[in-house]
Structure formats: structure tokens, C-alpha cells
Amino acid sequence: MLSVNGEREPSSASDKLISGEDSVEACTSKKWQAKIFCIEWLGQTLASLCWIASVLTYGITSAGDWLQLCAASAWLVANIASALTDQKP
């Protein structure tokens, strides 16, 4: 909600579930707990875990399999690091 002078007024918890702006603020907040519950972070982390599981399920039989495992692991590490590091100055 906007006040008379154009600034945002504090919103209720139910407003945050509806508003896209508030979800973006939560995803870019400094708190890692807020970030790990964002759909973007959860989706990418789940995808990297599935990729790792796929490589391990089919077996590592060639250099390409090792590269796939390294890529999936790097993606997972990057996701974890993004949740733990501050994004705002």
C-alpha cells in the first residue's frame, strides 16, 4: 500500500503472500532462511540434486560422466553459497 507521500506502508503477512514485490524482496533479503524458501532457489537446488542423483544412478563410466557430476555439484554449491551470502550492500 502507498501512503499519501508515495512511500510504502507496512503490509500484513497476508499481503506478502499475494504481492510479487514482497516475494522479490524476500528472495533478495540478507537472511538465508528467507532465501531458501523462494521458489527460484528451491527449484534450482532440486534440479541440481536430481542431476547428481541421475549421474550416480546411471553410473560413472566415462570422462563425460565425471564432467556431468562436477557441473551438477558446482551448481549445487553455487546455490548454497547464494543463500549464505549477502546480496544487498
PDB file of N, CA and C in Angstrom:
ATOM      1  N   MET A   1       0.830  -1.177   0.000  1.00  0.00           N
ATOM      2  CA  MET A   1       0.000   0.000   0.000  1.00  0.00           C
ATOM      3  C   MET A   1       0.877   1.244   0.000  1.00  0.00           C
ATOM      4  N   LEU A   2       0.411   2.272  -0.696  1.00  0.00           N
ATOM      5  CA  LEU A   2       1.139   3.525  -0.727  1.00  0.00           C
ATOM      6  C   LEU A   2       0.475   4.521   0.199  1.00  0.00           C
ATOM      7  N   SER A   3       1.282   5.278   0.906  1.00  0.00           N
ATOM      8  CA  SER A   3       0.751   6.336   1.758  1.00  0.00           C
ATOM      9  C   SER A   3       0.579   7.594   0.905  1.00  0.00           C
ATOM     10  N   VAL A   4       0.156   8.663   1.517  1.00  0.00           N
ATOM     11  CA  VAL A   4      -0.090   9.904   0.797  1.00  0.00           C
ATOM     12  C   VAL A   4       1.184  10.434   0.154  1.00  0.00           C
ATOM     13  N   ASN A   5       2.320  10.301   0.821  1.00  0.00           N
ATOM     14  CA  ASN A   5       3.567  10.831   0.280  1.00  0.00           C
ATOM     15  C   ASN A   5       4.265   9.863  -0.671  1.00  0.00           C
ATOM     16  N   GLY A   6       3.641   8.744  -1.028  1.00  0.00           N
ATOM     17  CA  GLY A   6       4.199   7.829  -2.023  1.00  0.00           C
ATOM     18  C   GLY A   6       5.073   6.724  -1.466  1.00  0.00           C
ATOM     19  N   GLU A   7       5.274   6.662  -0.150  1.00  0.00           N
ATOM     20  CA  GLU A   7       6.090   5.615   0.443  1.00  0.00           C
ATOM     21  C   GLU A   7       5.215   4.421   0.790  1.00  0.00           C
ATOM     22  N   ARG A   8       5.837   3.241   0.808  1.00  0.00           N
ATOM     23  CA  ARG A   8       5.096   2.024   1.146  1.00  0.00           C
ATOM     24  C   ARG A   8       4.822   1.972   2.637  1.00  0.00           C
ATOM     25  N   GLU A   9       3.590   1.631   2.966  1.00  0.00           N
ATOM     26  CA  GLU A   9       3.235   1.404   4.347  1.00  0.00           C
ATOM     27  C   GLU A   9       3.519  -0.046   4.684  1.00  0.00           C
ATOM     28  N   PRO A  10       3.779  -0.375   5.939  1.00  0.00           N
ATOM     29  CA  PRO A  10       3.985  -1.771   6.308  1.00  0.00           C
ATOM     30  C   PRO A  10       2.757  -2.593   5.942  1.00  0.00           C
ATOM     31  N   SER A  11       2.990  -3.757   5.370  1.00  0.00           N
ATOM     32  CA  SER A  11       1.871  -4.594   4.954  1.00  0.00           C
ATOM     33  C   SER A  11       1.754  -5.799   5.870  1.00  0.00           C
ATOM     34  N   SER A  12       0.597  -6.412   5.845  1.00  0.00           N
ATOM     35  CA  SER A  12       0.363  -7.578   6.685  1.00  0.00           C
ATOM     36  C   SER A  12       0.973  -8.813   6.039  1.00  0.00           C
ATOM     37  N   ALA A  13       1.040  -9.905   6.787  1.00  0.00           N
ATOM     38  CA  ALA A  13       1.599 -11.155   6.273  1.00  0.00           C
ATOM     39  C   ALA A  13       0.779 -11.674   5.111  1.00  0.00           C
ATOM     40  N   SER A  14      -0.537 -11.490   5.141  1.00  0.00           N
ATOM     41  CA  SER A  14      -1.365 -11.977   4.037  1.00  0.00           C
ATOM     42  C   SER A  14      -1.096 -11.202   2.758  1.00  0.00           C
ATOM     43  N   ASP A  15      -0.771  -9.911   2.859  1.00  0.00           N
ATOM     44  CA  ASP A  15      -0.418  -9.129   1.678  1.00  0.00           C
ATOM     45  C   ASP A  15       0.870  -9.626   1.055  1.00  0.00           C
ATOM     46  N   LYS A  16       1.824 -10.069   1.865  1.00  0.00           N
ATOM     47  CA  LYS A  16       3.100 -10.544   1.353  1.00  0.00           C
ATOM     48  C   LYS A  16       2.943 -11.822   0.549  1.00  0.00           C
ATOM     49  N   LEU A  17       1.958 -12.624   0.881  1.00  0.00           N
ATOM     50  CA  LEU A  17       1.731 -13.839   0.114  1.00  0.00           C
ATOM     51  C   LEU A  17       1.183 -13.528  -1.265  1.00  0.00           C
ATOM     52  N   ILE A  18       0.516 -12.416  -1.424  1.00  0.00           N
ATOM     53  CA  ILE A  18      -0.123 -12.061  -2.681  1.00  0.00           C
ATOM     54  C   ILE A  18       0.805 -11.231  -3.558  1.00  0.00           C
ATOM     55  N   SER A  19       1.522 -10.295  -2.991  1.00  0.00           N
ATOM     56  CA  SER A  19       2.307  -9.337  -3.746  1.00  0.00           C
ATOM     57  C   SER A  19       3.594  -9.930  -4.286  1.00  0.00           C
ATOM     58  N   GLY A  20       3.837  -9.728  -5.580  1.00  0.00           N
ATOM     59  CA  GLY A  20       5.070 -10.184  -6.204  1.00  0.00           C
ATOM     60  C   GLY A  20       6.270  -9.397  -5.732  1.00  0.00           C
ATOM     61  N   GLU A  21       6.077  -8.101  -5.452  1.00  0.00           N
ATOM     62  CA  GLU A  21       7.179  -7.266  -4.990  1.00  0.00           C
ATOM     63  C   GLU A  21       7.738  -7.766  -3.677  1.00  0.00           C
ATOM     64  N   ASP A  22       6.857  -8.156  -2.776  1.00  0.00           N
ATOM     65  CA  ASP A  22       7.303  -8.626  -1.472  1.00  0.00           C
ATOM     66  C   ASP A  22       8.059  -9.937  -1.582  1.00  0.00           C
ATOM     67  N   SER A  23       7.659 -10.810  -2.513  1.00  0.00           N
ATOM     68  CA  SER A  23       8.375 -12.072  -2.664  1.00  0.00           C
ATOM     69  C   SER A  23       9.767 -11.835  -3.234  1.00  0.00           C
ATOM     70  N   VAL A  24       9.902 -10.838  -4.103  1.00  0.00           N
ATOM     71  CA  VAL A  24      11.221 -10.486  -4.636  1.00  0.00           C
ATOM     72  C   VAL A  24      12.094  -9.942  -3.522  1.00  0.00           C
ATOM     73  N   GLU A  25      11.522  -9.109  -2.646  1.00  0.00           N
ATOM     74  CA  GLU A  25      12.282  -8.577  -1.515  1.00  0.00           C
ATOM     75  C   GLU A  25      12.747  -9.703  -0.600  1.00  0.00           C
ATOM     76  N   ALA A  26      11.904 -10.693  -0.373  1.00  0.00           N
ATOM     77  CA  ALA A  26      12.281 -11.818   0.482  1.00  0.00           C
ATOM     78  C   ALA A  26      13.393 -12.629  -0.160  1.00  0.00           C
ATOM     79  N   CYS A  27      13.352 -12.804  -1.470  1.00  0.00           N
ATOM     80  CA  CYS A  27      14.363 -13.598  -2.165  1.00  0.00           C
ATOM     81  C   CYS A  27      15.708 -12.891  -2.218  1.00  0.00           C
ATOM     82  N   THR A  28      15.710 -11.580  -2.101  1.00  0.00           N
ATOM     83  CA  THR A  28      16.972 -10.847  -2.138  1.00  0.00           C
ATOM     84  C   THR A  28      17.375 -10.335  -0.766  1.00  0.00           C
ATOM     85  N   SER A  29      16.673 -10.776   0.268  1.00  0.00           N
ATOM     86  CA  SER A  29      16.993 -10.303   1.615  1.00  0.00           C
ATOM     87  C   SER A  29      18.303 -10.918   2.094  1.00  0.00           C
ATOM     88  N   LYS A  30      18.820 -10.360   3.169  1.00  0.00           N
ATOM     89  CA  LYS A  30      20.080 -10.842   3.719  1.00  0.00           C
ATOM     90  C   LYS A  30      19.924 -12.146   4.476  1.00  0.00           C
ATOM     91  N   LYS A  31      18.715 -12.487   4.859  1.00  0.00           N
ATOM     92  CA  LYS A  31      18.518 -13.677   5.670  1.00  0.00           C
ATOM     93  C   LYS A  31      18.458 -14.921   4.799  1.00  0.00           C
ATOM     94  N   TRP A  32      19.311 -15.876   5.077  1.00  0.00           N
ATOM     95  CA  TRP A  32      19.353 -17.099   4.266  1.00  0.00           C
ATOM     96  C   TRP A  32      18.079 -17.897   4.426  1.00  0.00           C
ATOM     97  N   GLN A  33      17.435 -17.818   5.588  1.00  0.00           N
ATOM     98  CA  GLN A  33      16.207 -18.577   5.792  1.00  0.00           C
ATOM     99  C   GLN A  33      15.124 -18.122   4.820  1.00  0.00           C
ATOM    100  N   ALA A  34      15.034 -16.830   4.587  1.00  0.00           N
ATOM    101  CA  ALA A  34      14.031 -16.312   3.652  1.00  0.00           C
ATOM    102  C   ALA A  34      14.362 -16.739   2.233  1.00  0.00           C
ATOM    103  N   LYS A  35      15.630 -16.746   1.893  1.00  0.00           N
ATOM    104  CA  LYS A  35      16.024 -17.067   0.527  1.00  0.00           C
ATOM    105  C   LYS A  35      15.771 -18.528   0.175  1.00  0.00           C
ATOM    106  N   ILE A  36      16.002 -19.449   1.108  1.00  0.00           N
ATOM    107  CA  ILE A  36      15.858 -20.858   0.761  1.00  0.00           C
ATOM    108  C   ILE A  36      14.409 -21.278   0.572  1.00  0.00           C
ATOM    109  N   PHE A  37      13.458 -20.435   0.956  1.00  0.00           N
ATOM    110  CA  PHE A  37      12.056 -20.760   0.731  1.00  0.00           C
ATOM    111  C   PHE A  37      11.489 -20.084  -0.511  1.00  0.00           C
ATOM    112  N   CYS A  38      12.343 -19.424  -1.290  1.00  0.00           N
ATOM    113  CA  CYS A  38      11.908 -18.840  -2.561  1.00  0.00           C
ATOM    114  C   CYS A  38      11.849 -19.939  -3.609  1.00  0.00           C
ATOM    115  N   ILE A  39      10.844 -19.881  -4.451  1.00  0.00           N
ATOM    116  CA  ILE A  39      10.644 -20.921  -5.458  1.00  0.00           C
ATOM    117  C   ILE A  39      11.842 -21.023  -6.404  1.00  0.00           C
ATOM    118  N   GLU A  40      12.494 -19.894  -6.697  1.00  0.00           N
ATOM    119  CA  GLU A  40      13.642 -19.917  -7.605  1.00  0.00           C
ATOM    120  C   GLU A  40      14.789 -20.735  -7.011  1.00  0.00           C
ATOM    121  N   TRP A  41      15.079 -20.482  -5.731  1.00  0.00           N
ATOM    122  CA  TRP A  41      16.188 -21.182  -5.090  1.00  0.00           C
ATOM    123  C   TRP A  41      15.855 -22.655  -4.912  1.00  0.00           C
ATOM    124  N   LEU A  42      14.646 -22.945  -4.472  1.00  0.00           N
ATOM    125  CA  LEU A  42      14.235 -24.339  -4.281  1.00  0.00           C
ATOM    126  C   LEU A  42      14.258 -25.115  -5.596  1.00  0.00           C
ATOM    127  N   GLY A  43      13.767 -24.501  -6.661  1.00  0.00           N
ATOM    128  CA  GLY A  43      13.746 -25.169  -7.967  1.00  0.00           C
ATOM    129  C   GLY A  43      15.140 -25.488  -8.480  1.00  0.00           C
ATOM    130  N   GLN A  44      16.041 -24.533  -8.388  1.00  0.00           N
ATOM    131  CA  GLN A  44      17.397 -24.769  -8.874  1.00  0.00           C
ATOM    132  C   GLN A  44      18.136 -25.793  -8.018  1.00  0.00           C
ATOM    133  N   THR A  45      17.932 -25.735  -6.719  1.00  0.00           N
ATOM    134  CA  THR A  45      18.596 -26.695  -5.842  1.00  0.00           C
ATOM    135  C   THR A  45      18.064 -28.103  -6.082  1.00  0.00           C
ATOM    136  N   LEU A  46      16.758 -28.231  -6.236  1.00  0.00           N
ATOM    137  CA  LEU A  46      16.171 -29.540  -6.530  1.00  0.00           C
ATOM    138  C   LEU A  46      16.661 -30.075  -7.873  1.00  0.00           C
ATOM    139  N   ALA A  47      16.751 -29.199  -8.868  1.00  0.00           N
ATOM    140  CA  ALA A  47      17.239 -29.625 -10.185  1.00  0.00           C
ATOM    141  C   ALA A  47      18.683 -30.124 -10.106  1.00  0.00           C
ATOM    142  N   SER A  48      19.529 -29.433  -9.352  1.00  0.00           N
ATOM    143  CA  SER A  48      20.925 -29.864  -9.247  1.00  0.00           C
ATOM    144  C   SER A  48      21.038 -31.186  -8.495  1.00  0.00           C
ATOM    145  N   LEU A  49      20.213 -31.363  -7.469  1.00  0.00           N
ATOM    146  CA  LEU A  49      20.220 -32.630  -6.736  1.00  0.00           C
ATOM    147  C   LEU A  49      19.733 -33.790  -7.614  1.00  0.00           C
ATOM    148  N   CYS A  50      18.712 -33.536  -8.421  1.00  0.00           N
ATOM    149  CA  CYS A  50      18.229 -34.571  -9.346  1.00  0.00           C
ATOM    150  C   CYS A  50      19.297 -34.915 -10.382  1.00  0.00           C
ATOM    151  N   TRP A  51      20.022 -33.924 -10.854  1.00  0.00           N
ATOM    152  CA  TRP A  51      21.085 -34.155 -11.828  1.00  0.00           C
ATOM    153  C   TRP A  51      22.189 -35.019 -11.207  1.00  0.00           C
ATOM    154  N   ILE A  52      22.563 -34.715  -9.981  1.00  0.00           N
ATOM    155  CA  ILE A  52      23.569 -35.522  -9.286  1.00  0.00           C
ATOM    156  C   ILE A  52      23.066 -36.953  -9.103  1.00  0.00           C
ATOM    157  N   ALA A  53      21.819 -37.099  -8.675  1.00  0.00           N
ATOM    158  CA  ALA A  53      21.242 -38.435  -8.487  1.00  0.00           C
ATOM    159  C   ALA A  53      21.198 -39.211  -9.794  1.00  0.00           C
ATOM    160  N   SER A  54      20.889 -38.534 -10.875  1.00  0.00           N
ATOM    161  CA  SER A  54      20.839 -39.181 -12.180  1.00  0.00           C
ATOM    162  C   SER A  54      22.205 -39.724 -12.592  1.00  0.00           C
ATOM    163  N   VAL A  55      23.228 -38.904 -12.417  1.00  0.00           N
ATOM    164  CA  VAL A  55      24.586 -39.342 -12.774  1.00  0.00           C
ATOM    165  C   VAL A  55      24.996 -40.539 -11.922  1.00  0.00           C
ATOM    166  N   LEU A  56      24.705 -40.485 -10.642  1.00  0.00           N
ATOM    167  CA  LEU A  56      25.082 -41.586  -9.755  1.00  0.00           C
ATOM    168  C   LEU A  56      24.262 -42.849 -10.035  1.00  0.00           C
ATOM    169  N   THR A  57      22.996 -42.672 -10.422  1.00  0.00           N
ATOM    170  CA  THR A  57      22.136 -43.821 -10.723  1.00  0.00           C
ATOM    171  C   THR A  57      22.610 -44.558 -11.975  1.00  0.00           C
ATOM    172  N   TYR A  58      22.940 -43.806 -13.022  1.00  0.00           N
ATOM    173  CA  TYR A  58      23.375 -44.424 -14.271  1.00  0.00           C
ATOM    174  C   TYR A  58      24.826 -44.870 -14.228  1.00  0.00           C
ATOM    175  N   GLY A  59      25.554 -44.401 -13.258  1.00  0.00           N
ATOM    176  CA  GLY A  59      26.947 -44.820 -13.101  1.00  0.00           C
ATOM    177  C   GLY A  59      27.916 -43.886 -13.793  1.00  0.00           C
ATOM    178  N   ILE A  60      29.133 -43.902 -13.295  1.00  0.00           N
ATOM    179  CA  ILE A  60      30.190 -43.072 -13.866  1.00  0.00           C
ATOM    180  C   ILE A  60      31.111 -43.994 -14.647  1.00  0.00           C
ATOM    181  N   THR A  61      30.963 -43.953 -15.964  1.00  0.00           N
ATOM    182  CA  THR A  61      31.727 -44.874 -16.809  1.00  0.00           C
ATOM    183  C   THR A  61      32.659 -44.170 -17.782  1.00  0.00           C
ATOM    184  N   SER A  62      32.575 -42.840 -17.837  1.00  0.00           N
ATOM    185  CA  SER A  62      33.429 -42.116 -18.778  1.00  0.00           C
ATOM    186  C   SER A  62      33.790 -40.745 -18.222  1.00  0.00           C
ATOM    187  N   ALA A  63      34.662 -40.057 -18.942  1.00  0.00           N
ATOM    188  CA  ALA A  63      35.068 -38.716 -18.532  1.00  0.00           C
ATOM    189  C   ALA A  63      33.876 -37.760 -18.584  1.00  0.00           C
ATOM    190  N   GLY A  64      32.960 -37.967 -19.515  1.00  0.00           N
ATOM    191  CA  GLY A  64      31.771 -37.133 -19.620  1.00  0.00           C
ATOM    192  C   GLY A  64      30.895 -37.241 -18.388  1.00  0.00           C
ATOM    193  N   ASP A  65      30.826 -38.443 -17.813  1.00  0.00           N
ATOM    194  CA  ASP A  65      30.047 -38.626 -16.588  1.00  0.00           C
ATOM    195  C   ASP A  65      30.651 -37.833 -15.432  1.00  0.00           C
ATOM    196  N   TRP A  66      31.975 -37.823 -15.358  1.00  0.00           N
ATOM    197  CA  TRP A  66      32.642 -37.040 -14.321  1.00  0.00           C
ATOM    198  C   TRP A  66      32.381 -35.551 -14.521  1.00  0.00           C
ATOM    199  N   LEU A  67      32.386 -35.104 -15.777  1.00  0.00           N
ATOM    200  CA  LEU A  67      32.096 -33.697 -16.055  1.00  0.00           C
ATOM    201  C   LEU A  67      30.663 -33.341 -15.664  1.00  0.00           C
ATOM    202  N   GLN A  68      29.718 -34.244 -15.950  1.00  0.00           N
ATOM    203  CA  GLN A  68      28.331 -34.025 -15.563  1.00  0.00           C
ATOM    204  C   GLN A  68      28.213 -33.906 -14.035  1.00  0.00           C
ATOM    205  N   LEU A  69      28.887 -34.796 -13.334  1.00  0.00           N
ATOM    206  CA  LEU A  69      28.850 -34.773 -11.871  1.00  0.00           C
ATOM    207  C   LEU A  69      29.475 -33.492 -11.327  1.00  0.00           C
ATOM    208  N   CYS A  70      30.573 -33.067 -11.917  1.00  0.00           N
ATOM    209  CA  CYS A  70      31.229 -31.823 -11.484  1.00  0.00           C
ATOM    210  C   CYS A  70      30.330 -30.614 -11.743  1.00  0.00           C
ATOM    211  N   ALA A  71      29.663 -30.585 -12.901  1.00  0.00           N
ATOM    212  CA  ALA A  71      28.781 -29.466 -13.236  1.00  0.00           C
ATOM    213  C   ALA A  71      27.597 -29.401 -12.272  1.00  0.00           C
ATOM    214  N   ALA A  72      26.978 -30.537 -12.011  1.00  0.00           N
ATOM    215  CA  ALA A  72      25.833 -30.575 -11.100  1.00  0.00           C
ATOM    216  C   ALA A  72      26.252 -30.197  -9.684  1.00  0.00           C
ATOM    217  N   SER A  73      27.416 -30.656  -9.268  1.00  0.00           N
ATOM    218  CA  SER A  73      27.904 -30.329  -7.924  1.00  0.00           C
ATOM    219  C   SER A  73      28.240 -28.848  -7.802  1.00  0.00           C
ATOM    220  N   ALA A  74      28.834 -28.282  -8.849  1.00  0.00           N
ATOM    221  CA  ALA A  74      29.156 -26.852  -8.837  1.00  0.00           C
ATOM    222  C   ALA A  74      27.880 -26.019  -8.771  1.00  0.00           C
ATOM    223  N   TRP A  75      26.852 -26.449  -9.478  1.00  0.00           N
ATOM    224  CA  TRP A  75      25.571 -25.752  -9.453  1.00  0.00           C
ATOM    225  C   TRP A  75      24.981 -25.784  -8.038  1.00  0.00           C
ATOM    226  N   LEU A  76      25.052 -26.938  -7.393  1.00  0.00           N
ATOM    227  CA  LEU A  76      24.537 -27.070  -6.028  1.00  0.00           C
ATOM    228  C   LEU A  76      25.323 -26.179  -5.059  1.00  0.00           C
ATOM    229  N   VAL A  77      26.629 -26.185  -5.163  1.00  0.00           N
ATOM    230  CA  VAL A  77      27.469 -25.356  -4.292  1.00  0.00           C
ATOM    231  C   VAL A  77      27.163 -23.873  -4.518  1.00  0.00           C
ATOM    232  N   ALA A  78      26.970 -23.472  -5.771  1.00  0.00           N
ATOM    233  CA  ALA A  78      26.648 -22.077  -6.071  1.00  0.00           C
ATOM    234  C   ALA A  78      25.307 -21.682  -5.468  1.00  0.00           C
ATOM    235  N   ASN A  79      24.335 -22.587  -5.507  1.00  0.00           N
ATOM    236  CA  ASN A  79      23.033 -22.298  -4.901  1.00  0.00           C
ATOM    237  C   ASN A  79      23.146 -22.129  -3.397  1.00  0.00           C
ATOM    238  N   ILE A  80      23.904 -22.996  -2.773  1.00  0.00           N
ATOM    239  CA  ILE A  80      24.082 -22.902  -1.323  1.00  0.00           C
ATOM    240  C   ILE A  80      24.824 -21.609  -0.966  1.00  0.00           C
ATOM    241  N   ALA A  81      25.854 -21.288  -1.730  1.00  0.00           N
ATOM    242  CA  ALA A  81      26.616 -20.063  -1.475  1.00  0.00           C
ATOM    243  C   ALA A  81      25.750 -18.825  -1.662  1.00  0.00           C
ATOM    244  N   SER A  82      24.862 -18.840  -2.651  1.00  0.00           N
ATOM    245  CA  SER A  82      23.999 -17.671  -2.874  1.00  0.00           C
ATOM    246  C   SER A  82      23.037 -17.463  -1.727  1.00  0.00           C
ATOM    247  N   ALA A  83      22.635 -18.532  -1.067  1.00  0.00           N
ATOM    248  CA  ALA A  83      21.734 -18.403   0.079  1.00  0.00           C
ATOM    249  C   ALA A  83      22.469 -17.871   1.308  1.00  0.00           C
ATOM    250  N   LEU A  84      23.738 -18.150   1.405  1.00  0.00           N
ATOM    251  CA  LEU A  84      24.504 -17.776   2.592  1.00  0.00           C
ATOM    252  C   LEU A  84      25.193 -16.433   2.505  1.00  0.00           C
ATOM    253  N   THR A  85      25.298 -15.862   1.302  1.00  0.00           N
ATOM    254  CA  THR A  85      25.984 -14.588   1.147  1.00  0.00           C
ATOM    255  C   THR A  85      24.983 -13.460   1.055  1.00  0.00           C
ATOM    256  N   ASP A  86      25.398 -12.272   1.476  1.00  0.00           N
ATOM    257  CA  ASP A  86      24.560 -11.073   1.419  1.00  0.00           C
ATOM    258  C   ASP A  86      24.499 -10.577  -0.015  1.00  0.00           C
ATOM    259  N   GLN A  87      23.320 -10.225  -0.466  1.00  0.00           N
ATOM    260  CA  GLN A  87      23.147  -9.682  -1.803  1.00  0.00           C
ATOM    261  C   GLN A  87      23.019  -8.162  -1.806  1.00  0.00           C
ATOM    262  N   LYS A  88      22.604  -7.586  -0.671  1.00  0.00           N
ATOM    263  CA  LYS A  88      22.443  -6.146  -0.568  1.00  0.00           C
ATOM    264  C   LYS A  88      23.656  -5.519   0.087  1.00  0.00           C
ATOM    265  N   PRO A  89      24.030  -4.308  -0.344  1.00  0.00           N
ATOM    266  CA  PRO A  89      25.173  -3.637   0.300  1.00  0.00           C
ATOM    267  C   PRO A  89      24.884  -3.207   1.711  1.00  0.00           C
TER     268      PRO A  89
END
